Amino acid sequence: MAIPTKPGQEFFFEEIHDRNSEIIWQAYHQEKLWLSIKIIYRNWTILDTNLETPAKFVVSVLQHVQDLSNIRFHTENSYFLKTNLQFPPDFGLGSSSTLMNNLAEWAEIDPFQLNENALGGSGYDIAVAQEKSPILYQALPEKKITKVEFDPGFKNELIFIHLNQKQDSRKGIALYRSKPRDKELIHELSELTKAVFTAKNIEEFTLYMNHHEMLISSFLAIETAKEKYFPQYGGFIKSLGAWGGDFVLASKFGDYKKYFSDRNFTRIFEWQDLVL
């Protein structure tokens, strides 16, 4: 299951008929310039940039766009491309997936194929970026996207806590793919996800979250976020996204704000603060 967030990523473009084959790329984080690149896409040379490693990643992605698209980067036209991330970059709310989706829409290509070529991963985050709705996502044996309603009556009992780090999604994907496929586990997790929609109260929802967390912990051989950071907390703690980093979902318990802030986890969000 995936749920879209209120903050996302904007994409702006301009095509210039000048026969220079240039790309001017500007990436902003909350309206502040973070990355600037000047590229000649005739031979994919970086002429100038302020950050070399991210620039190389952008060039790699744009080369995949060229390979897949019939309309972009096949003339000598130049392009001004600008992105604006509406949330802090360490939040891990889909900066890569929203970029893939926005570029694919602009280039009129399949966003799932672009994501697979450039990043890998299941593509669930591409699906939720497209649908702008809660979804159930199935990757195998064939891709299936089902829009669902998920507005639990106990949502005011749920909070998101940022873990003060940015999880590398590509490393998380690599770890998952290094494990042997377990059909029984996949079936159990699928049934558990369906059951989440039937939870009538926070107590029942807590049981599902704890069960899911333990199953993934055992499969990946990684301790849970609760074991690692919050062993004495009275509510549930559920890892999100690339497992083990970025955000966790939790239930409120006691003076939860003091509990987390005493441990230097001060970025705490109510459900309605983040969920679209």
C-alpha atoms as a PDB file:
ATOM      1  CA  MET A   1       0.000   0.000   0.000  1.00  0.00           C
ATOM      2  CA  ALA A   2       1.210   3.504  -0.787  1.00  0.00           C
ATOM      3  CA  ILE A   3      -0.268   6.883   0.110  1.00  0.00           C
ATOM      4  CA  PRO A   4       0.616  10.208  -1.587  1.00  0.00           C
ATOM      5  CA  THR A   5       1.928  13.115   0.448  1.00  0.00           C
ATOM      6  CA  LYS A   6       0.960  16.773   0.292  1.00  0.00           C
ATOM      7  CA  PRO A   7       4.469  18.050  -0.551  1.00  0.00           C
ATOM      8  CA  GLY A   8       5.856  16.834  -3.870  1.00  0.00           C
ATOM      9  CA  GLN A   9       8.138  18.027  -6.656  1.00  0.00           C
ATOM     10  CA  GLU A  10       7.426  20.629  -9.327  1.00  0.00           C
ATOM     11  CA  PHE A  11       8.823  20.475 -12.852  1.00  0.00           C
ATOM     12  CA  PHE A  12       9.165  23.361 -15.317  1.00  0.00           C
ATOM     13  CA  PHE A  13      10.540  23.301 -18.847  1.00  0.00           C
ATOM     14  CA  GLU A  14      11.248  25.487 -21.842  1.00  0.00           C
ATOM     15  CA  GLU A  15      12.403  24.347 -25.291  1.00  0.00           C
ATOM     16  CA  ILE A  16      14.609  26.761 -27.213  1.00  0.00           C
ATOM     17  CA  HIS A  17      15.047  26.479 -30.999  1.00  0.00           C
ATOM     18  CA  ASP A  18      18.689  27.533 -31.212  1.00  0.00           C
ATOM     19  CA  ARG A  19      20.624  24.499 -32.608  1.00  0.00           C
ATOM     20  CA  ASN A  20      22.970  24.524 -29.563  1.00  0.00           C
ATOM     21  CA  SER A  21      21.938  21.129 -28.111  1.00  0.00           C
ATOM     22  CA  GLU A  22      22.269  22.487 -24.577  1.00  0.00           C
ATOM     23  CA  ILE A  23      20.475  21.578 -21.381  1.00  0.00           C
ATOM     24  CA  ILE A  24      20.401  24.027 -18.513  1.00  0.00           C
ATOM     25  CA  TRP A  25      19.274  22.073 -15.443  1.00  0.00           C
ATOM     26  CA  GLN A  26      18.398  23.796 -12.181  1.00  0.00           C
ATOM     27  CA  ALA A  27      17.217  21.860  -9.140  1.00  0.00           C
ATOM     28  CA  TYR A  28      15.763  23.776  -6.214  1.00  0.00           C
ATOM     29  CA  HIS A  29      15.059  22.577  -2.696  1.00  0.00           C
ATOM     30  CA  GLN A  30      12.140  24.535  -1.276  1.00  0.00           C
ATOM     31  CA  GLU A  31      12.793  27.422  -3.705  1.00  0.00           C
ATOM     32  CA  LYS A  32      16.553  27.525  -2.933  1.00  0.00           C
ATOM     33  CA  LEU A  33      18.956  26.595  -5.716  1.00  0.00           C
ATOM     34  CA  TRP A  34      20.745  23.341  -4.920  1.00  0.00           C
ATOM     35  CA  LEU A  35      22.108  22.021  -8.206  1.00  0.00           C
ATOM     36  CA  SER A  36      22.913  23.705 -11.519  1.00  0.00           C
ATOM     37  CA  ILE A  37      24.260  21.941 -14.585  1.00  0.00           C
ATOM     38  CA  LYS A  38      25.072  22.956 -18.135  1.00  0.00           C
ATOM     39  CA  ILE A  39      25.126  19.986 -20.515  1.00  0.00           C
ATOM     40  CA  ILE A  40      25.773  19.464 -24.205  1.00  0.00           C
ATOM     41  CA  TYR A  41      23.548  16.504 -24.996  1.00  0.00           C
ATOM     42  CA  ARG A  42      25.040  15.975 -28.435  1.00  0.00           C
ATOM     43  CA  ASN A  43      27.764  14.018 -26.636  1.00  0.00           C
ATOM     44  CA  TRP A  44      26.445  14.248 -23.042  1.00  0.00           C
ATOM     45  CA  THR A  45      29.279  16.415 -21.790  1.00  0.00           C
ATOM     46  CA  ILE A  46      28.916  18.369 -18.562  1.00  0.00           C
ATOM     47  CA  LEU A  47      30.261  21.860 -19.268  1.00  0.00           C
ATOM     48  CA  ASP A  48      29.660  23.268 -15.807  1.00  0.00           C
ATOM     49  CA  THR A  49      28.130  22.231 -12.493  1.00  0.00           C
ATOM     50  CA  ASN A  50      28.346  23.077  -8.820  1.00  0.00           C
ATOM     51  CA  LEU A  51      27.925  19.422  -7.675  1.00  0.00           C
ATOM     52  CA  GLU A  52      29.627  16.729  -9.710  1.00  0.00           C
ATOM     53  CA  THR A  53      28.055  13.521  -8.332  1.00  0.00           C
ATOM     54  CA  PRO A  54      24.396  14.621  -8.561  1.00  0.00           C
ATOM     55  CA  ALA A  55      25.150  16.097 -11.997  1.00  0.00           C
ATOM     56  CA  LYS A  56      26.389  12.728 -13.256  1.00  0.00           C
ATOM     57  CA  PHE A  57      23.195  11.102 -11.960  1.00  0.00           C
ATOM     58  CA  VAL A  58      21.026  13.668 -13.778  1.00  0.00           C
ATOM     59  CA  VAL A  59      22.953  13.112 -17.024  1.00  0.00           C
ATOM     60  CA  SER A  60      22.459   9.354 -16.675  1.00  0.00           C
ATOM     61  CA  VAL A  61      18.718   9.802 -16.181  1.00  0.00           C
ATOM     62  CA  LEU A  62      18.429  12.177 -19.145  1.00  0.00           C
ATOM     63  CA  GLN A  63      20.291   9.713 -21.361  1.00  0.00           C
ATOM     64  CA  HIS A  64      17.657   7.128 -20.460  1.00  0.00           C
ATOM     65  CA  VAL A  65      14.984   9.696 -21.357  1.00  0.00           C
ATOM     66  CA  GLN A  66      16.633  10.159 -24.750  1.00  0.00           C
ATOM     67  CA  ASP A  67      16.763   6.397 -25.324  1.00  0.00           C
ATOM     68  CA  LEU A  68      13.051   5.987 -24.583  1.00  0.00           C
ATOM     69  CA  SER A  69      11.614   9.173 -26.068  1.00  0.00           C
ATOM     70  CA  ASN A  70      10.858  10.034 -29.669  1.00  0.00           C
ATOM     71  CA  ILE A  71      10.428  13.745 -28.998  1.00  0.00           C
ATOM     72  CA  ARG A  72      13.143  14.846 -26.548  1.00  0.00           C
ATOM     73  CA  PHE A  73      16.883  15.267 -27.185  1.00  0.00           C
ATOM     74  CA  HIS A  74      16.725  14.168 -30.825  1.00  0.00           C
ATOM     75  CA  THR A  75      17.059  17.600 -32.435  1.00  0.00           C
ATOM     76  CA  GLU A  76      19.539  20.393 -31.800  1.00  0.00           C
ATOM     77  CA  ASN A  77      17.059  22.349 -29.697  1.00  0.00           C
ATOM     78  CA  SER A  78      18.140  23.464 -26.243  1.00  0.00           C
ATOM     79  CA  TYR A  79      16.183  22.941 -23.024  1.00  0.00           C
ATOM     80  CA  PHE A  80      15.817  24.790 -19.766  1.00  0.00           C
ATOM     81  CA  LEU A  81      14.648  22.303 -17.118  1.00  0.00           C
ATOM     82  CA  LYS A  82      13.873  23.242 -13.530  1.00  0.00           C
ATOM     83  CA  THR A  83      12.702  21.182 -10.565  1.00  0.00           C
ATOM     84  CA  ASN A  84      11.588  22.338  -7.138  1.00  0.00           C
ATOM     85  CA  LEU A  85      11.412  19.896  -4.247  1.00  0.00           C
ATOM     86  CA  GLN A  86       8.701  21.036  -1.852  1.00  0.00           C
ATOM     87  CA  PHE A  87      10.122  19.168   1.150  1.00  0.00           C
ATOM     88  CA  PRO A  88      13.591  18.864   2.739  1.00  0.00           C
ATOM     89  CA  PRO A  89      15.735  16.497   0.647  1.00  0.00           C
ATOM     90  CA  ASP A  90      16.460  14.219   3.608  1.00  0.00           C
ATOM     91  CA  PHE A  91      12.751  13.452   4.069  1.00  0.00           C
ATOM     92  CA  GLY A  92      12.729  10.693   1.471  1.00  0.00           C
ATOM     93  CA  LEU A  93       9.183  11.403   0.314  1.00  0.00           C
ATOM     94  CA  GLY A  94       9.829  10.431  -3.285  1.00  0.00           C
ATOM     95  CA  SER A  95      12.299  12.918  -4.739  1.00  0.00           C
ATOM     96  CA  SER A  96      13.567  10.335  -7.249  1.00  0.00           C
ATOM     97  CA  SER A  97      10.197   8.804  -8.114  1.00  0.00           C
ATOM     98  CA  THR A  98       8.478  12.152  -8.659  1.00  0.00           C
ATOM     99  CA  LEU A  99      11.402  13.191 -10.855  1.00  0.00           C
ATOM    100  CA  MET A 100      11.029  10.022 -12.946  1.00  0.00           C
ATOM    101  CA  ASN A 101       7.284  10.546 -13.240  1.00  0.00           C
ATOM    102  CA  ASN A 102       7.586  14.229 -14.201  1.00  0.00           C
ATOM    103  CA  LEU A 103      10.301  13.582 -16.789  1.00  0.00           C
ATOM    104  CA  ALA A 104       8.343  10.685 -18.269  1.00  0.00           C
ATOM    105  CA  GLU A 105       5.203  12.791 -18.608  1.00  0.00           C
ATOM    106  CA  TRP A 106       7.196  15.562 -20.288  1.00  0.00           C
ATOM    107  CA  ALA A 107       8.964  13.151 -22.660  1.00  0.00           C
ATOM    108  CA  GLU A 108       5.817  11.066 -23.300  1.00  0.00           C
ATOM    109  CA  ILE A 109       7.427   7.814 -22.201  1.00  0.00           C
ATOM    110  CA  ASP A 110       6.576   5.026 -19.781  1.00  0.00           C
ATOM    111  CA  PRO A 111       7.554   6.211 -16.265  1.00  0.00           C
ATOM    112  CA  PHE A 112       7.879   2.643 -15.009  1.00  0.00           C
ATOM    113  CA  GLN A 113      10.389   1.825 -17.752  1.00  0.00           C
ATOM    114  CA  LEU A 114      12.346   5.001 -17.067  1.00  0.00           C
ATOM    115  CA  ASN A 115      12.398   4.193 -13.355  1.00  0.00           C
ATOM    116  CA  GLU A 116      13.528   0.618 -14.028  1.00  0.00           C
ATOM    117  CA  ASN A 117      16.313   1.758 -16.365  1.00  0.00           C
ATOM    118  CA  ALA A 118      17.539   4.598 -14.158  1.00  0.00           C
ATOM    119  CA  LEU A 119      16.943   3.357 -10.616  1.00  0.00           C
ATOM    120  CA  GLY A 120      15.420  -0.104 -10.387  1.00  0.00           C
ATOM    121  CA  GLY A 121      12.851  -0.905  -7.719  1.00  0.00           C
ATOM    122  CA  SER A 122       9.283  -2.119  -7.790  1.00  0.00           C
ATOM    123  CA  GLY A 123       7.750   1.088  -9.166  1.00  0.00           C
ATOM    124  CA  TYR A 124       5.148   1.464  -6.417  1.00  0.00           C
ATOM    125  CA  ASP A 125       6.259   5.048  -5.802  1.00  0.00           C
ATOM    126  CA  ILE A 126       5.850   5.809  -9.513  1.00  0.00           C
ATOM    127  CA  ALA A 127       2.317   4.424  -9.345  1.00  0.00           C
ATOM    128  CA  VAL A 128       1.290   6.565  -6.384  1.00  0.00           C
ATOM    129  CA  ALA A 129       2.861   9.644  -8.006  1.00  0.00           C
ATOM    130  CA  GLN A 130       0.726   9.006 -11.087  1.00  0.00           C
ATOM    131  CA  GLU A 131      -2.536   8.218  -9.330  1.00  0.00           C
ATOM    132  CA  LYS A 132      -2.323  10.884  -6.589  1.00  0.00           C
ATOM    133  CA  SER A 133      -4.424   8.529  -4.494  1.00  0.00           C
ATOM    134  CA  PRO A 134      -3.878   5.717  -1.989  1.00  0.00           C
ATOM    135  CA  ILE A 135      -3.168   2.560  -3.951  1.00  0.00           C
ATOM    136  CA  LEU A 136      -2.564  -1.133  -3.627  1.00  0.00           C
ATOM    137  CA  TYR A 137       0.375  -2.064  -5.837  1.00  0.00           C
ATOM    138  CA  GLN A 138       1.337  -5.467  -7.149  1.00  0.00           C
ATOM    139  CA  ALA A 139       4.609  -5.845  -9.064  1.00  0.00           C
ATOM    140  CA  LEU A 140       4.606  -9.584  -9.776  1.00  0.00           C
ATOM    141  CA  PRO A 141       3.634 -11.742 -11.561  1.00  0.00           C
ATOM    142  CA  GLU A 142       2.256  -8.722 -13.385  1.00  0.00           C
ATOM    143  CA  LYS A 143       1.917  -5.065 -12.507  1.00  0.00           C
ATOM    144  CA  LYS A 144      -1.438  -4.202 -10.959  1.00  0.00           C
ATOM    145  CA  ILE A 145      -2.501  -0.854  -9.527  1.00  0.00           C
ATOM    146  CA  THR A 146      -5.719  -0.546  -7.545  1.00  0.00           C
ATOM    147  CA  LYS A 147      -6.915   2.837  -6.291  1.00  0.00           C
ATOM    148  CA  VAL A 148      -8.360   2.546  -2.790  1.00  0.00           C
ATOM    149  CA  GLU A 149      -9.878   4.685  -0.092  1.00  0.00           C
ATOM    150  CA  PHE A 150      -7.835   4.854   3.101  1.00  0.00           C
ATOM    151  CA  ASP A 151      -9.055   7.374   5.624  1.00  0.00           C
ATOM    152  CA  PRO A 152      -8.976   5.561   8.980  1.00  0.00           C
ATOM    153  CA  GLY A 153     -11.227   6.842  11.727  1.00  0.00           C
ATOM    154  CA  PHE A 154      -8.284   6.690  14.113  1.00  0.00           C
ATOM    155  CA  LYS A 155      -5.919   8.741  11.920  1.00  0.00           C
ATOM    156  CA  ASN A 156      -5.634  11.402  14.642  1.00  0.00           C
ATOM    157  CA  GLU A 157      -3.894   8.729  16.731  1.00  0.00           C
ATOM    158  CA  LEU A 158      -1.158   8.346  14.099  1.00  0.00           C
ATOM    159  CA  ILE A 159       2.049  10.366  13.739  1.00  0.00           C
ATOM    160  CA  PHE A 160       5.110  10.390  11.491  1.00  0.00           C
ATOM    161  CA  ILE A 161       8.595  10.786  12.971  1.00  0.00           C
ATOM    162  CA  HIS A 162      11.634  11.624  10.884  1.00  0.00           C
ATOM    163  CA  LEU A 163      14.716   9.594  11.815  1.00  0.00           C
ATOM    164  CA  ASN A 164      17.216  12.389  11.109  1.00  0.00           C
ATOM    165  CA  GLN A 165      18.841  10.585   8.211  1.00  0.00           C
ATOM    166  CA  LYS A 166      18.314  10.004   4.500  1.00  0.00           C
ATOM    167  CA  GLN A 167      17.946   6.397   3.475  1.00  0.00           C
ATOM    168  CA  ASP A 168      19.615   5.472   0.177  1.00  0.00           C
ATOM    169  CA  SER A 169      16.730   3.897  -1.760  1.00  0.00           C
ATOM    170  CA  ARG A 170      19.098   2.175  -4.183  1.00  0.00           C
ATOM    171  CA  LYS A 171      20.890   0.430  -1.306  1.00  0.00           C
ATOM    172  CA  GLY A 172      17.537  -0.631   0.149  1.00  0.00           C
ATOM    173  CA  ILE A 173      16.496  -2.068  -3.213  1.00  0.00           C
ATOM    174  CA  ALA A 174      19.816  -3.897  -3.557  1.00  0.00           C
ATOM    175  CA  LEU A 175      19.429  -5.451  -0.106  1.00  0.00           C
ATOM    176  CA  TYR A 176      15.903  -6.658  -0.873  1.00  0.00           C
ATOM    177  CA  ARG A 177      16.932  -8.101  -4.229  1.00  0.00           C
ATOM    178  CA  SER A 178      19.860  -9.932  -2.641  1.00  0.00           C
ATOM    179  CA  LYS A 179      17.398 -12.078  -0.681  1.00  0.00           C
ATOM    180  CA  PRO A 180      15.781 -15.211  -2.162  1.00  0.00           C
ATOM    181  CA  ARG A 181      12.164 -14.717  -3.189  1.00  0.00           C
ATOM    182  CA  ASP A 182       9.772 -16.183  -0.623  1.00  0.00           C
ATOM    183  CA  LYS A 183       6.327 -16.815  -2.131  1.00  0.00           C
ATOM    184  CA  GLU A 184       4.799 -17.673   1.246  1.00  0.00           C
ATOM    185  CA  LEU A 185       6.051 -14.421   2.741  1.00  0.00           C
ATOM    186  CA  ILE A 186       4.754 -12.420  -0.221  1.00  0.00           C
ATOM    187  CA  HIS A 187       1.334 -14.015   0.174  1.00  0.00           C
ATOM    188  CA  GLU A 188       1.298 -13.374   3.931  1.00  0.00           C
ATOM    189  CA  LEU A 189       2.297  -9.733   3.472  1.00  0.00           C
ATOM    190  CA  SER A 190      -0.326  -9.270   0.750  1.00  0.00           C
ATOM    191  CA  GLU A 191      -3.071 -10.663   2.972  1.00  0.00           C
ATOM    192  CA  LEU A 192      -1.851  -8.538   5.863  1.00  0.00           C
ATOM    193  CA  THR A 193      -1.967  -5.406   3.699  1.00  0.00           C
ATOM    194  CA  LYS A 194      -5.564  -6.170   2.704  1.00  0.00           C
ATOM    195  CA  ALA A 195      -6.440  -6.647   6.359  1.00  0.00           C
ATOM    196  CA  VAL A 196      -5.173  -3.157   7.191  1.00  0.00           C
ATOM    197  CA  PHE A 197      -8.243  -1.719   5.445  1.00  0.00           C
ATOM    198  CA  THR A 198     -10.555  -3.609   7.777  1.00  0.00           C
ATOM    199  CA  ALA A 199      -8.956  -2.330  10.997  1.00  0.00           C
ATOM    200  CA  LYS A 200     -11.742  -0.865  13.096  1.00  0.00           C
ATOM    201  CA  ASN A 201      -9.614   0.793  15.767  1.00  0.00           C
ATOM    202  CA  ILE A 202      -6.060   1.716  16.698  1.00  0.00           C
ATOM    203  CA  GLU A 203      -5.591  -1.499  18.689  1.00  0.00           C
ATOM    204  CA  GLU A 204      -6.338  -3.704  15.694  1.00  0.00           C
ATOM    205  CA  PHE A 205      -4.239  -1.516  13.409  1.00  0.00           C
ATOM    206  CA  THR A 206      -1.345  -1.802  15.888  1.00  0.00           C
ATOM    207  CA  LEU A 207      -1.447  -5.591  15.684  1.00  0.00           C
ATOM    208  CA  TYR A 208      -1.182  -5.460  11.887  1.00  0.00           C
ATOM    209  CA  MET A 209       1.680  -2.931  11.960  1.00  0.00           C
ATOM    210  CA  ASN A 210       3.675  -4.929  14.519  1.00  0.00           C
ATOM    211  CA  HIS A 211       3.171  -8.169  12.590  1.00  0.00           C
ATOM    212  CA  HIS A 212       4.252  -6.566   9.297  1.00  0.00           C
ATOM    213  CA  GLU A 213       7.308  -5.017  10.918  1.00  0.00           C
ATOM    214  CA  MET A 214       8.468  -8.314  12.405  1.00  0.00           C
ATOM    215  CA  LEU A 215       8.001 -10.183   9.116  1.00  0.00           C
ATOM    216  CA  ILE A 216      10.150  -7.692   7.183  1.00  0.00           C
ATOM    217  CA  SER A 217      12.723  -7.532   9.969  1.00  0.00           C
ATOM    218  CA  SER A 218      13.125 -11.295   9.889  1.00  0.00           C
ATOM    219  CA  PHE A 219      13.322 -11.434   6.083  1.00  0.00           C
ATOM    220  CA  LEU A 220      15.936  -8.664   5.762  1.00  0.00           C
ATOM    221  CA  ALA A 221      17.786  -9.689   8.933  1.00  0.00           C
ATOM    222  CA  ILE A 222      17.665  -6.084  10.154  1.00  0.00           C
ATOM    223  CA  GLU A 223      16.492  -4.967  13.572  1.00  0.00           C
ATOM    224  CA  THR A 224      13.259  -3.005  13.619  1.00  0.00           C
ATOM    225  CA  ALA A 225      13.233   0.769  14.011  1.00  0.00           C
ATOM    226  CA  LYS A 226      11.656   0.313  17.431  1.00  0.00           C
ATOM    227  CA  GLU A 227      14.417  -2.047  18.554  1.00  0.00           C
ATOM    228  CA  LYS A 228      17.074   0.328  17.236  1.00  0.00           C
ATOM    229  CA  TYR A 229      15.747   3.693  18.361  1.00  0.00           C
ATOM    230  CA  PHE A 230      12.701   3.430  20.618  1.00  0.00           C
ATOM    231  CA  PRO A 231      12.775   0.145  22.602  1.00  0.00           C
ATOM    232  CA  GLN A 232      10.824   1.557  25.550  1.00  0.00           C
ATOM    233  CA  TYR A 233       8.091   3.307  23.559  1.00  0.00           C
ATOM    234  CA  GLY A 234       4.559   2.159  24.402  1.00  0.00           C
ATOM    235  CA  GLY A 235       3.030   2.577  20.935  1.00  0.00           C
ATOM    236  CA  PHE A 236       3.844   0.806  17.682  1.00  0.00           C
ATOM    237  CA  ILE A 237       6.675   1.954  15.395  1.00  0.00           C
ATOM    238  CA  LYS A 238       6.435   1.052  11.676  1.00  0.00           C
ATOM    239  CA  SER A 239       9.265   1.570   9.177  1.00  0.00           C
ATOM    240  CA  LEU A 240       8.296   3.209   5.888  1.00  0.00           C
ATOM    241  CA  GLY A 241       9.763   3.492   2.402  1.00  0.00           C
ATOM    242  CA  ALA A 242      13.265   2.091   1.929  1.00  0.00           C
ATOM    243  CA  TRP A 243      13.074  -0.001   5.070  1.00  0.00           C
ATOM    244  CA  GLY A 244      14.991   1.304   8.064  1.00  0.00           C
ATOM    245  CA  GLY A 245      15.366   4.975   7.181  1.00  0.00           C
ATOM    246  CA  ASP A 246      13.650   8.304   6.554  1.00  0.00           C
ATOM    247  CA  PHE A 247      10.287   8.195   8.370  1.00  0.00           C
ATOM    248  CA  VAL A 248       8.459   5.865  10.706  1.00  0.00           C
ATOM    249  CA  LEU A 249       4.728   5.716  11.361  1.00  0.00           C
ATOM    250  CA  ALA A 250       3.751   5.476  15.027  1.00  0.00           C
ATOM    251  CA  SER A 251       0.757   5.563  17.319  1.00  0.00           C
ATOM    252  CA  LYS A 252       0.512   8.248  19.974  1.00  0.00           C
ATOM    253  CA  PHE A 253       1.337   7.125  23.482  1.00  0.00           C
ATOM    254  CA  GLY A 254       1.567   9.226  26.616  1.00  0.00           C
ATOM    255  CA  ASP A 255       3.657  12.370  26.290  1.00  0.00           C
ATOM    256  CA  TYR A 256       4.972  11.196  22.927  1.00  0.00           C
ATOM    257  CA  LYS A 257       6.384  14.587  21.917  1.00  0.00           C
ATOM    258  CA  LYS A 258       8.628  14.666  24.981  1.00  0.00           C
ATOM    259  CA  TYR A 259       9.620  11.022  24.511  1.00  0.00           C
ATOM    260  CA  PHE A 260      10.845  11.600  20.957  1.00  0.00           C
ATOM    261  CA  SER A 261      12.333  15.065  21.501  1.00  0.00           C
ATOM    262  CA  ASP A 262      14.308  13.797  24.526  1.00  0.00           C
ATOM    263  CA  ARG A 263      15.977  11.421  22.052  1.00  0.00           C
ATOM    264  CA  ASN A 264      16.607  14.235  19.527  1.00  0.00           C
ATOM    265  CA  PHE A 265      13.780  13.209  17.184  1.00  0.00           C
ATOM    266  CA  THR A 266      12.015  16.536  16.955  1.00  0.00           C
ATOM    267  CA  ARG A 267      10.449  16.424  13.496  1.00  0.00           C
ATOM    268  CA  ILE A 268       7.057  14.953  14.335  1.00  0.00           C
ATOM    269  CA  PHE A 269       4.063  15.301  12.016  1.00  0.00           C
ATOM    270  CA  GLU A 270       0.364  14.668  12.430  1.00  0.00           C
ATOM    271  CA  TRP A 271      -1.380  12.556   9.765  1.00  0.00           C
ATOM    272  CA  GLN A 272      -3.059  15.588   8.204  1.00  0.00           C
ATOM    273  CA  ASP A 273       0.290  17.429   7.959  1.00  0.00           C
ATOM    274  CA  LEU A 274       1.717  15.001   5.414  1.00  0.00           C
ATOM    275  CA  VAL A 275      -1.018  12.883   3.849  1.00  0.00           C
ATOM    276  CA  LEU A 276      -2.749  14.202   0.732  1.00  0.00           C
END
